[in-house]
Each structure stands twice: as structure tokens, then as C-alpha cells.
Amino acid sequence: MRVSRFLFLIVAGLTHQAQADSLRCGSQLISSGDHEFEVQQKCGEPAARNLIGYLHSPNRREEVQIDEWIYGPTNGMYQYLRFEGGRLIGINSKRGN
């Protein structure tokens, strides 16, 4: 009984995390791992794009560009999408002033 309860809590936590990195754009859904062009096709042009910087890999000779796209406001909420190397890695929502 304790094991099944423990497994339920783990699965519930994983499900919550998966939902945290998804966003609905009209009838389309974007998720972590999507490419920039897929996000733009589904959500349209962002209100703003910011180049955050570059991530240097200590074990490789490469730089990965980090970008932030901002959508909104939609019902007072702004959506902040973070990309590393052209792939969506995070979605945050904040209420505007």
C-alpha cells in the first residue's frame, strides 16, 4: 500500500512538471523541446525577443545562444519563453502591471 501511494506521488509530480512547460497558443500547443520555428508557426511573432547571451560548454568547442521571447499580454499575463540553441527549454508566466 505504501509503495503504490509513493508511486502515485512520483507520477503526479512528473505530470505537474510536464504541464508547467507547455503553453497553448490558440488551438496549438507548444512544449519544451520544440524548435523556434515551430513555436513561431504556432504562436506567431512574439511581442519582443531578447538575446540573453551565450552558454559555453566546458567540454566542447561550441557556444549555444540563449534567447527569450515574450508573448502577451493576454488577459494581463505575459509568457516568457526561453530558448537554448534554438530549442524551447522553459516557459514562465507573469502578470503585467
PDB file of N, CA and C in Angstrom:
ATOM      1  N   MET A   1       0.815  -1.193   0.000  1.00  0.00           N
ATOM      2  CA  MET A   1       0.000   0.000   0.000  1.00  0.00           C
ATOM      3  C   MET A   1       0.860   1.260   0.000  1.00  0.00           C
ATOM      4  N   ARG A   2       1.916   1.270   0.811  1.00  0.00           N
ATOM      5  CA  ARG A   2       2.789   2.444   0.879  1.00  0.00           C
ATOM      6  C   ARG A   2       3.518   2.653  -0.443  1.00  0.00           C
ATOM      7  N   VAL A   3       3.890   1.546  -1.102  1.00  0.00           N
ATOM      8  CA  VAL A   3       4.608   1.651  -2.371  1.00  0.00           C
ATOM      9  C   VAL A   3       3.714   2.274  -3.435  1.00  0.00           C
ATOM     10  N   SER A   4       2.463   1.840  -3.516  1.00  0.00           N
ATOM     11  CA  SER A   4       1.562   2.400  -4.533  1.00  0.00           C
ATOM     12  C   SER A   4       1.289   3.879  -4.264  1.00  0.00           C
ATOM     13  N   ARG A   5       1.195   4.260  -3.013  1.00  0.00           N
ATOM     14  CA  ARG A   5       0.994   5.664  -2.671  1.00  0.00           C
ATOM     15  C   ARG A   5       2.222   6.487  -3.068  1.00  0.00           C
ATOM     16  N   PHE A   6       3.398   5.946  -2.811  1.00  0.00           N
ATOM     17  CA  PHE A   6       4.655   6.609  -3.172  1.00  0.00           C
ATOM     18  C   PHE A   6       4.758   6.770  -4.690  1.00  0.00           C
ATOM     19  N   LEU A   7       4.440   5.723  -5.445  1.00  0.00           N
ATOM     20  CA  LEU A   7       4.484   5.792  -6.906  1.00  0.00           C
ATOM     21  C   LEU A   7       3.487   6.814  -7.437  1.00  0.00           C
ATOM     22  N   PHE A   8       2.317   6.882  -6.830  1.00  0.00           N
ATOM     23  CA  PHE A   8       1.330   7.875  -7.246  1.00  0.00           C
ATOM     24  C   PHE A   8       1.875   9.288  -7.083  1.00  0.00           C
ATOM     25  N   LEU A   9       2.526   9.555  -5.960  1.00  0.00           N
ATOM     26  CA  LEU A   9       3.091  10.884  -5.722  1.00  0.00           C
ATOM     27  C   LEU A   9       4.174  11.224  -6.737  1.00  0.00           C
ATOM     28  N   ILE A  10       4.989  10.256  -7.093  1.00  0.00           N
ATOM     29  CA  ILE A  10       6.035  10.490  -8.096  1.00  0.00           C
ATOM     30  C   ILE A  10       5.408  10.800  -9.451  1.00  0.00           C
ATOM     31  N   VAL A  11       4.448   9.999  -9.874  1.00  0.00           N
ATOM     32  CA  VAL A  11       3.795  10.215 -11.167  1.00  0.00           C
ATOM     33  C   VAL A  11       3.061  11.552 -11.177  1.00  0.00           C
ATOM     34  N   ALA A  12       2.396  11.903 -10.098  1.00  0.00           N
ATOM     35  CA  ALA A  12       1.693  13.187 -10.023  1.00  0.00           C
ATOM     36  C   ALA A  12       2.676  14.340 -10.136  1.00  0.00           C
ATOM     37  N   GLY A  13       3.829  14.218  -9.509  1.00  0.00           N
ATOM     38  CA  GLY A  13       4.851  15.258  -9.603  1.00  0.00           C
ATOM     39  C   GLY A  13       5.397  15.395 -11.005  1.00  0.00           C
ATOM     40  N   LEU A  14       5.614  14.282 -11.689  1.00  0.00           N
ATOM     41  CA  LEU A  14       6.113  14.331 -13.064  1.00  0.00           C
ATOM     42  C   LEU A  14       5.076  14.942 -13.995  1.00  0.00           C
ATOM     43  N   THR A  15       3.829  14.619 -13.791  1.00  0.00           N
ATOM     44  CA  THR A  15       2.762  15.185 -14.612  1.00  0.00           C
ATOM     45  C   THR A  15       2.681  16.689 -14.420  1.00  0.00           C
ATOM     46  N   HIS A  16       2.803  17.145 -13.184  1.00  0.00           N
ATOM     47  CA  HIS A  16       2.763  18.586 -12.909  1.00  0.00           C
ATOM     48  C   HIS A  16       3.922  19.287 -13.598  1.00  0.00           C
ATOM     49  N   GLN A  17       5.102  18.703 -13.587  1.00  0.00           N
ATOM     50  CA  GLN A  17       6.266  19.303 -14.238  1.00  0.00           C
ATOM     51  C   GLN A  17       6.054  19.384 -15.746  1.00  0.00           C
ATOM     52  N   ALA A  18       5.484  18.353 -16.342  1.00  0.00           N
ATOM     53  CA  ALA A  18       5.252  18.367 -17.789  1.00  0.00           C
ATOM     54  C   ALA A  18       4.280  19.472 -18.165  1.00  0.00           C
ATOM     55  N   GLN A  19       3.269  19.688 -17.344  1.00  0.00           N
ATOM     56  CA  GLN A  19       2.301  20.731 -17.643  1.00  0.00           C
ATOM     57  C   GLN A  19       2.903  22.119 -17.486  1.00  0.00           C
ATOM     58  N   ALA A  20       3.893  22.258 -16.614  1.00  0.00           N
ATOM     59  CA  ALA A  20       4.495  23.565 -16.358  1.00  0.00           C
ATOM     60  C   ALA A  20       5.252  24.075 -17.572  1.00  0.00           C
ATOM     61  N   ASP A  21       5.732  23.192 -18.433  1.00  0.00           N
ATOM     62  CA  ASP A  21       6.493  23.603 -19.596  1.00  0.00           C
ATOM     63  C   ASP A  21       5.720  23.392 -20.889  1.00  0.00           C
ATOM     64  N   SER A  22       4.442  23.687 -20.862  1.00  0.00           N
ATOM     65  CA  SER A  22       3.580  23.656 -22.039  1.00  0.00           C
ATOM     66  C   SER A  22       2.752  24.931 -22.054  1.00  0.00           C
ATOM     67  N   LEU A  23       2.398  25.353 -23.258  1.00  0.00           N
ATOM     68  CA  LEU A  23       1.623  26.582 -23.405  1.00  0.00           C
ATOM     69  C   LEU A  23       0.697  26.435 -24.595  1.00  0.00           C
ATOM     70  N   ARG A  24      -0.533  26.874 -24.436  1.00  0.00           N
ATOM     71  CA  ARG A  24      -1.496  26.842 -25.533  1.00  0.00           C
ATOM     72  C   ARG A  24      -1.456  28.170 -26.268  1.00  0.00           C
ATOM     73  N   CYS A  25      -1.306  28.092 -27.583  1.00  0.00           N
ATOM     74  CA  CYS A  25      -1.363  29.262 -28.470  1.00  0.00           C
ATOM     75  C   CYS A  25      -2.545  29.042 -29.402  1.00  0.00           C
ATOM     76  N   GLY A  26      -3.670  29.654 -29.082  1.00  0.00           N
ATOM     77  CA  GLY A  26      -4.879  29.404 -29.862  1.00  0.00           C
ATOM     78  C   GLY A  26      -5.282  27.954 -29.694  1.00  0.00           C
ATOM     79  N   SER A  27      -5.342  27.204 -30.792  1.00  0.00           N
ATOM     80  CA  SER A  27      -5.678  25.785 -30.717  1.00  0.00           C
ATOM     81  C   SER A  27      -4.437  24.903 -30.749  1.00  0.00           C
ATOM     82  N   GLN A  28      -3.258  25.512 -30.783  1.00  0.00           N
ATOM     83  CA  GLN A  28      -1.993  24.780 -30.848  1.00  0.00           C
ATOM     84  C   GLN A  28      -1.361  24.678 -29.459  1.00  0.00           C
ATOM     85  N   LEU A  29      -0.499  23.690 -29.267  1.00  0.00           N
ATOM     86  CA  LEU A  29       0.204  23.501 -28.008  1.00  0.00           C
ATOM     87  C   LEU A  29       1.699  23.465 -28.282  1.00  0.00           C
ATOM     88  N   ILE A  30       2.464  24.246 -27.510  1.00  0.00           N
ATOM     89  CA  ILE A  30       3.920  24.189 -27.599  1.00  0.00           C
ATOM     90  C   ILE A  30       4.446  23.611 -26.289  1.00  0.00           C
ATOM     91  N   SER A  31       5.594  22.939 -26.375  1.00  0.00           N
ATOM     92  CA  SER A  31       6.176  22.291 -25.205  1.00  0.00           C
ATOM     93  C   SER A  31       7.684  22.399 -25.245  1.00  0.00           C
ATOM     94  N   SER A  32       8.300  22.159 -24.101  1.00  0.00           N
ATOM     95  CA  SER A  32       9.757  22.136 -24.033  1.00  0.00           C
ATOM     96  C   SER A  32      10.300  21.165 -25.070  1.00  0.00           C
ATOM     97  N   GLY A  33      11.367  21.581 -25.733  1.00  0.00           N
ATOM     98  CA  GLY A  33      11.970  20.761 -26.781  1.00  0.00           C
ATOM     99  C   GLY A  33      11.588  21.195 -28.180  1.00  0.00           C
ATOM    100  N   ASP A  34      10.528  22.004 -28.315  1.00  0.00           N
ATOM    101  CA  ASP A  34      10.116  22.492 -29.635  1.00  0.00           C
ATOM    102  C   ASP A  34      11.163  23.454 -30.192  1.00  0.00           C
ATOM    103  N   HIS A  35      11.300  23.478 -31.507  1.00  0.00           N
ATOM    104  CA  HIS A  35      12.204  24.408 -32.185  1.00  0.00           C
ATOM    105  C   HIS A  35      11.571  25.796 -32.268  1.00  0.00           C
ATOM    106  N   GLU A  36      12.422  26.816 -32.402  1.00  0.00           N
ATOM    107  CA  GLU A  36      11.938  28.196 -32.519  1.00  0.00           C
ATOM    108  C   GLU A  36      10.942  28.350 -33.659  1.00  0.00           C
ATOM    109  N   PHE A  37      11.237  27.746 -34.822  1.00  0.00           N
ATOM    110  CA  PHE A  37      10.339  27.910 -35.967  1.00  0.00           C
ATOM    111  C   PHE A  37       8.980  27.277 -35.704  1.00  0.00           C
ATOM    112  N   GLU A  38       8.930  26.164 -34.942  1.00  0.00           N
ATOM    113  CA  GLU A  38       7.648  25.551 -34.597  1.00  0.00           C
ATOM    114  C   GLU A  38       6.834  26.473 -33.688  1.00  0.00           C
ATOM    115  N   VAL A  39       7.516  27.072 -32.711  1.00  0.00           N
ATOM    116  CA  VAL A  39       6.840  27.986 -31.791  1.00  0.00           C
ATOM    117  C   VAL A  39       6.295  29.187 -32.552  1.00  0.00           C
ATOM    118  N   GLN A  40       7.093  29.729 -33.470  1.00  0.00           N
ATOM    119  CA  GLN A  40       6.642  30.894 -34.231  1.00  0.00           C
ATOM    120  C   GLN A  40       5.472  30.539 -35.144  1.00  0.00           C
ATOM    121  N   GLN A  41       5.495  29.348 -35.736  1.00  0.00           N
ATOM    122  CA  GLN A  41       4.370  28.918 -36.572  1.00  0.00           C
ATOM    123  C   GLN A  41       3.086  28.802 -35.757  1.00  0.00           C
ATOM    124  N   LYS A  42       3.188  28.287 -34.546  1.00  0.00           N
ATOM    125  CA  LYS A  42       2.007  28.047 -33.721  1.00  0.00           C
ATOM    126  C   LYS A  42       1.530  29.301 -32.988  1.00  0.00           C
ATOM    127  N   CYS A  43       2.470  30.137 -32.536  1.00  0.00           N
ATOM    128  CA  CYS A  43       2.113  31.286 -31.683  1.00  0.00           C
ATOM    129  C   CYS A  43       2.225  32.627 -32.384  1.00  0.00           C
ATOM    130  N   GLY A  44       2.836  32.658 -33.562  1.00  0.00           N
ATOM    131  CA  GLY A  44       3.028  33.922 -34.253  1.00  0.00           C
ATOM    132  C   GLY A  44       4.266  34.655 -33.762  1.00  0.00           C
ATOM    133  N   GLU A  45       4.410  35.879 -34.221  1.00  0.00           N
ATOM    134  CA  GLU A  45       5.564  36.712 -33.864  1.00  0.00           C
ATOM    135  C   GLU A  45       5.445  37.158 -32.403  1.00  0.00           C
ATOM    136  N   PRO A  46       6.514  37.026 -31.615  1.00  0.00           N
ATOM    137  CA  PRO A  46       6.448  37.485 -30.222  1.00  0.00           C
ATOM    138  C   PRO A  46       6.414  39.010 -30.135  1.00  0.00           C
ATOM    139  N   ALA A  47       5.941  39.524 -29.014  1.00  0.00           N
ATOM    140  CA  ALA A  47       5.934  40.974 -28.774  1.00  0.00           C
ATOM    141  C   ALA A  47       7.356  41.501 -28.650  1.00  0.00           C
ATOM    142  N   ALA A  48       8.266  40.668 -28.150  1.00  0.00           N
ATOM    143  CA  ALA A  48       9.674  41.068 -28.004  1.00  0.00           C
ATOM    144  C   ALA A  48      10.558  39.831 -28.035  1.00  0.00           C
ATOM    145  N   ARG A  49      11.784  40.040 -28.513  1.00  0.00           N
ATOM    146  CA  ARG A  49      12.817  38.998 -28.500  1.00  0.00           C
ATOM    147  C   ARG A  49      14.053  39.599 -27.856  1.00  0.00           C
ATOM    148  N   ASN A  50      14.641  38.878 -26.924  1.00  0.00           N
ATOM    149  CA  ASN A  50      15.853  39.352 -26.260  1.00  0.00           C
ATOM    150  C   ASN A  50      16.944  38.303 -26.360  1.00  0.00           C
ATOM    151  N   LEU A  51      18.127  38.746 -26.755  1.00  0.00           N
ATOM    152  CA  LEU A  51      19.293  37.874 -26.718  1.00  0.00           C
ATOM    153  C   LEU A  51      19.842  37.941 -25.301  1.00  0.00           C
ATOM    154  N   ILE A  52      19.778  36.835 -24.584  1.00  0.00           N
ATOM    155  CA  ILE A  52      20.241  36.793 -23.198  1.00  0.00           C
ATOM    156  C   ILE A  52      21.758  36.649 -23.150  1.00  0.00           C
ATOM    157  N   GLY A  53      22.307  35.830 -24.024  1.00  0.00           N
ATOM    158  CA  GLY A  53      23.752  35.622 -24.049  1.00  0.00           C
ATOM    159  C   GLY A  53      24.084  34.288 -24.672  1.00  0.00           C
ATOM    160  N   TYR A  54      25.243  33.777 -24.291  1.00  0.00           N
ATOM    161  CA  TYR A  54      25.724  32.513 -24.832  1.00  0.00           C
ATOM    162  C   TYR A  54      26.138  31.606 -23.692  1.00  0.00           C
ATOM    163  N   LEU A  55      25.904  30.326 -23.871  1.00  0.00           N
ATOM    164  CA  LEU A  55      26.295  29.311 -22.911  1.00  0.00           C
ATOM    165  C   LEU A  55      27.514  28.607 -23.478  1.00  0.00           C
ATOM    166  N   HIS A  56      28.595  28.583 -22.719  1.00  0.00           N
ATOM    167  CA  HIS A  56      29.822  27.923 -23.156  1.00  0.00           C
ATOM    168  C   HIS A  56      29.896  26.546 -22.518  1.00  0.00           C
ATOM    169  N   SER A  57      30.136  25.556 -23.331  1.00  0.00           N
ATOM    170  CA  SER A  57      30.275  24.198 -22.834  1.00  0.00           C
ATOM    171  C   SER A  57      31.735  23.958 -22.476  1.00  0.00           C
ATOM    172  N   PRO A  58      32.020  23.539 -21.244  1.00  0.00           N
ATOM    173  CA  PRO A  58      33.415  23.360 -20.839  1.00  0.00           C
ATOM    174  C   PRO A  58      34.110  22.196 -21.545  1.00  0.00           C
ATOM    175  N   ASN A  59      33.356  21.214 -21.997  1.00  0.00           N
ATOM    176  CA  ASN A  59      33.954  20.024 -22.607  1.00  0.00           C
ATOM    177  C   ASN A  59      33.948  20.049 -24.130  1.00  0.00           C
ATOM    178  N   ARG A  60      33.343  21.075 -24.710  1.00  0.00           N
ATOM    179  CA  ARG A  60      33.257  21.147 -26.174  1.00  0.00           C
ATOM    180  C   ARG A  60      33.652  22.527 -26.643  1.00  0.00           C
ATOM    181  N   ARG A  61      33.922  22.637 -27.920  1.00  0.00           N
ATOM    182  CA  ARG A  61      34.254  23.923 -28.528  1.00  0.00           C
ATOM    183  C   ARG A  61      33.029  24.488 -29.216  1.00  0.00           C
ATOM    184  N   GLU A  62      32.058  24.859 -28.434  1.00  0.00           N
ATOM    185  CA  GLU A  62      30.847  25.410 -29.020  1.00  0.00           C
ATOM    186  C   GLU A  62      30.196  26.398 -28.061  1.00  0.00           C
ATOM    187  N   GLU A  63      29.420  27.282 -28.643  1.00  0.00           N
ATOM    188  CA  GLU A  63      28.607  28.213 -27.876  1.00  0.00           C
ATOM    189  C   GLU A  63      27.153  27.964 -28.248  1.00  0.00           C
ATOM    190  N   VAL A  64      26.293  28.090 -27.287  1.00  0.00           N
ATOM    191  CA  VAL A  64      24.867  27.932 -27.520  1.00  0.00           C
ATOM    192  C   VAL A  64      24.197  29.264 -27.204  1.00  0.00           C
ATOM    193  N   GLN A  65      23.459  29.792 -28.171  1.00  0.00           N
ATOM    194  CA  GLN A  65      22.775  31.072 -27.982  1.00  0.00           C
ATOM    195  C   GLN A  65      21.551  30.889 -27.096  1.00  0.00           C
ATOM    196  N   ILE A  66      21.357  31.831 -26.172  1.00  0.00           N
ATOM    197  CA  ILE A  66      20.206  31.813 -25.275  1.00  0.00           C
ATOM    198  C   ILE A  66      19.328  33.016 -25.600  1.00  0.00           C
ATOM    199  N   ASP A  67      18.069  32.753 -25.954  1.00  0.00           N
ATOM    200  CA  ASP A  67      17.112  33.800 -26.324  1.00  0.00           C
ATOM    201  C   ASP A  67      15.897  33.734 -25.414  1.00  0.00           C
ATOM    202  N   GLU A  68      15.231  34.874 -25.272  1.00  0.00           N
ATOM    203  CA  GLU A  68      13.968  34.946 -24.550  1.00  0.00           C
ATOM    204  C   GLU A  68      12.948  35.622 -25.454  1.00  0.00           C
ATOM    205  N   TRP A  69      11.813  34.968 -25.644  1.00  0.00           N
ATOM    206  CA  TRP A  69      10.709  35.544 -26.398  1.00  0.00           C
ATOM    207  C   TRP A  69       9.605  35.874 -25.413  1.00  0.00           C
ATOM    208  N   ILE A  70       8.947  37.004 -25.649  1.00  0.00           N
ATOM    209  CA  ILE A  70       7.873  37.437 -24.759  1.00  0.00           C
ATOM    210  C   ILE A  70       6.585  37.567 -25.567  1.00  0.00           C
ATOM    211  N   TYR A  71       5.537  36.905 -25.086  1.00  0.00           N
ATOM    212  CA  TYR A  71       4.205  36.996 -25.683  1.00  0.00           C
ATOM    213  C   TYR A  71       3.259  37.643 -24.678  1.00  0.00           C
ATOM    214  N   GLY A  72       2.311  38.409 -25.195  1.00  0.00           N
ATOM    215  CA  GLY A  72       1.303  38.977 -24.313  1.00  0.00           C
ATOM    216  C   GLY A  72       1.255  40.478 -24.421  1.00  0.00           C
ATOM    217  N   PRO A  73       0.487  41.098 -23.600  1.00  0.00           N
ATOM    218  CA  PRO A  73      -0.290  40.474 -22.522  1.00  0.00           C
ATOM    219  C   PRO A  73      -1.577  39.835 -23.038  1.00  0.00           C
ATOM    220  N   THR A  74      -1.906  38.706 -22.489  1.00  0.00           N
ATOM    221  CA  THR A  74      -3.166  38.029 -22.751  1.00  0.00           C
ATOM    222  C   THR A  74      -3.888  37.927 -21.418  1.00  0.00           C
ATOM    223  N   ASN A  75      -4.973  38.648 -21.286  1.00  0.00           N
ATOM    224  CA  ASN A  75      -5.703  38.727 -20.016  1.00  0.00           C
ATOM    225  C   ASN A  75      -4.780  39.145 -18.876  1.00  0.00           C
ATOM    226  N   GLY A  76      -3.856  40.045 -19.183  1.00  0.00           N
ATOM    227  CA  GLY A  76      -2.946  40.565 -18.173  1.00  0.00           C
ATOM    228  C   GLY A  76      -1.712  39.730 -17.911  1.00  0.00           C
ATOM    229  N   MET A  77      -1.579  38.590 -18.596  1.00  0.00           N
ATOM    230  CA  MET A  77      -0.435  37.698 -18.371  1.00  0.00           C
ATOM    231  C   MET A  77       0.559  37.794 -19.519  1.00  0.00           C
ATOM    232  N   TYR A  78       1.836  37.812 -19.161  1.00  0.00           N
ATOM    233  CA  TYR A  78       2.923  37.732 -20.134  1.00  0.00           C
ATOM    234  C   TYR A  78       3.519  36.334 -20.061  1.00  0.00           C
ATOM    235  N   GLN A  79       3.877  35.797 -21.220  1.00  0.00           N
ATOM    236  CA  GLN A  79       4.520  34.488 -21.301  1.00  0.00           C
ATOM    237  C   GLN A  79       5.971  34.698 -21.723  1.00  0.00           C
ATOM    238  N   TYR A  80       6.898  34.187 -20.944  1.00  0.00           N
ATOM    239  CA  TYR A  80       8.329  34.307 -21.226  1.00  0.00           C
ATOM    240  C   TYR A  80       8.850  32.936 -21.637  1.00  0.00           C
ATOM    241  N   LEU A  81       9.289  32.835 -22.897  1.00  0.00           N
ATOM    242  CA  LEU A  81       9.793  31.578 -23.427  1.00  0.00           C
ATOM    243  C   LEU A  81      11.305  31.672 -23.559  1.00  0.00           C
ATOM    244  N   ARG A  82      12.015  30.687 -23.029  1.00  0.00           N
ATOM    245  CA  ARG A  82      13.479  30.691 -23.059  1.00  0.00           C
ATOM    246  C   ARG A  82      13.964  29.583 -23.994  1.00  0.00           C
ATOM    247  N   PHE A  83      14.860  29.957 -24.895  1.00  0.00           N
ATOM    248  CA  PHE A  83      15.419  29.029 -25.873  1.00  0.00           C
ATOM    249  C   PHE A  83      16.924  28.907 -25.669  1.00  0.00           C
ATOM    250  N   GLU A  84      17.438  27.703 -25.792  1.00  0.00           N
ATOM    251  CA  GLU A  84      18.884  27.457 -25.826  1.00  0.00           C
ATOM    252  C   GLU A  84      19.181  26.694 -27.105  1.00  0.00           C
ATOM    253  N   GLY A  85      20.029  27.281 -27.940  1.00  0.00           N
ATOM    254  CA  GLY A  85      20.383  26.627 -29.188  1.00  0.00           C
ATOM    255  C   GLY A  85      19.193  26.393 -30.097  1.00  0.00           C
ATOM    256  N   GLY A  86      18.201  27.282 -30.050  1.00  0.00           N
ATOM    257  CA  GLY A  86      17.040  27.165 -30.927  1.00  0.00           C
ATOM    258  C   GLY A  86      15.949  26.242 -30.424  1.00  0.00           C
ATOM    259  N   ARG A  87      16.106  25.678 -29.231  1.00  0.00           N
ATOM    260  CA  ARG A  87      15.092  24.788 -28.659  1.00  0.00           C
ATOM    261  C   ARG A  87      14.490  25.396 -27.405  1.00  0.00           C
ATOM    262  N   LEU A  88      13.183  25.242 -27.267  1.00  0.00           N
ATOM    263  CA  LEU A  88      12.467  25.757 -26.106  1.00  0.00           C
ATOM    264  C   LEU A  88      12.845  24.946 -24.869  1.00  0.00           C
ATOM    265  N   ILE A  89      13.337  25.640 -23.831  1.00  0.00           N
ATOM    266  CA  ILE A  89      13.728  24.932 -22.604  1.00  0.00           C
ATOM    267  C   ILE A  89      12.885  25.328 -21.394  1.00  0.00           C
ATOM    268  N   GLY A  90      12.135  26.438 -21.492  1.00  0.00           N
ATOM    269  CA  GLY A  90      11.344  26.839 -20.339  1.00  0.00           C
ATOM    270  C   GLY A  90      10.287  27.865 -20.678  1.00  0.00           C
ATOM    271  N   ILE A  91       9.188  27.815 -19.934  1.00  0.00           N
ATOM    272  CA  ILE A  91       8.078  28.748 -20.099  1.00  0.00           C
ATOM    273  C   ILE A  91       7.712  29.276 -18.719  1.00  0.00           C
ATOM    274  N   ASN A  92       7.691  30.594 -18.585  1.00  0.00           N
ATOM    275  CA  ASN A  92       7.277  31.238 -17.336  1.00  0.00           C
ATOM    276  C   ASN A  92       6.177  32.238 -17.637  1.00  0.00           C
ATOM    277  N   SER A  93       5.240  32.368 -16.717  1.00  0.00           N
ATOM    278  CA  SER A  93       4.143  33.326 -16.853  1.00  0.00           C
ATOM    279  C   SER A  93       4.199  34.318 -15.708  1.00  0.00           C
ATOM    280  N   LYS A  94       3.984  35.588 -16.048  1.00  0.00           N
ATOM    281  CA  LYS A  94       3.953  36.635 -15.026  1.00  0.00           C
ATOM    282  C   LYS A  94       2.851  37.619 -15.367  1.00  0.00           C
ATOM    283  N   ARG A  95       2.196  38.108 -14.335  1.00  0.00           N
ATOM    284  CA  ARG A  95       1.145  39.098 -14.521  1.00  0.00           C
ATOM    285  C   ARG A  95       1.785  40.456 -14.742  1.00  0.00           C
ATOM    286  N   GLY A  96       1.299  41.176 -15.764  1.00  0.00           N
ATOM    287  CA  GLY A  96       1.809  42.509 -16.077  1.00  0.00           C
ATOM    288  C   GLY A  96       1.245  43.549 -15.137  1.00  0.00           C
ATOM    289  N   ASN A  97       1.822  44.738 -15.188  1.00  0.00           N
ATOM    290  CA  ASN A  97       1.356  45.832 -14.309  1.00  0.00           C
ATOM    291  C   ASN A  97       0.150  46.509 -14.889  1.00  0.00           C
TER     292      ASN A  97
END
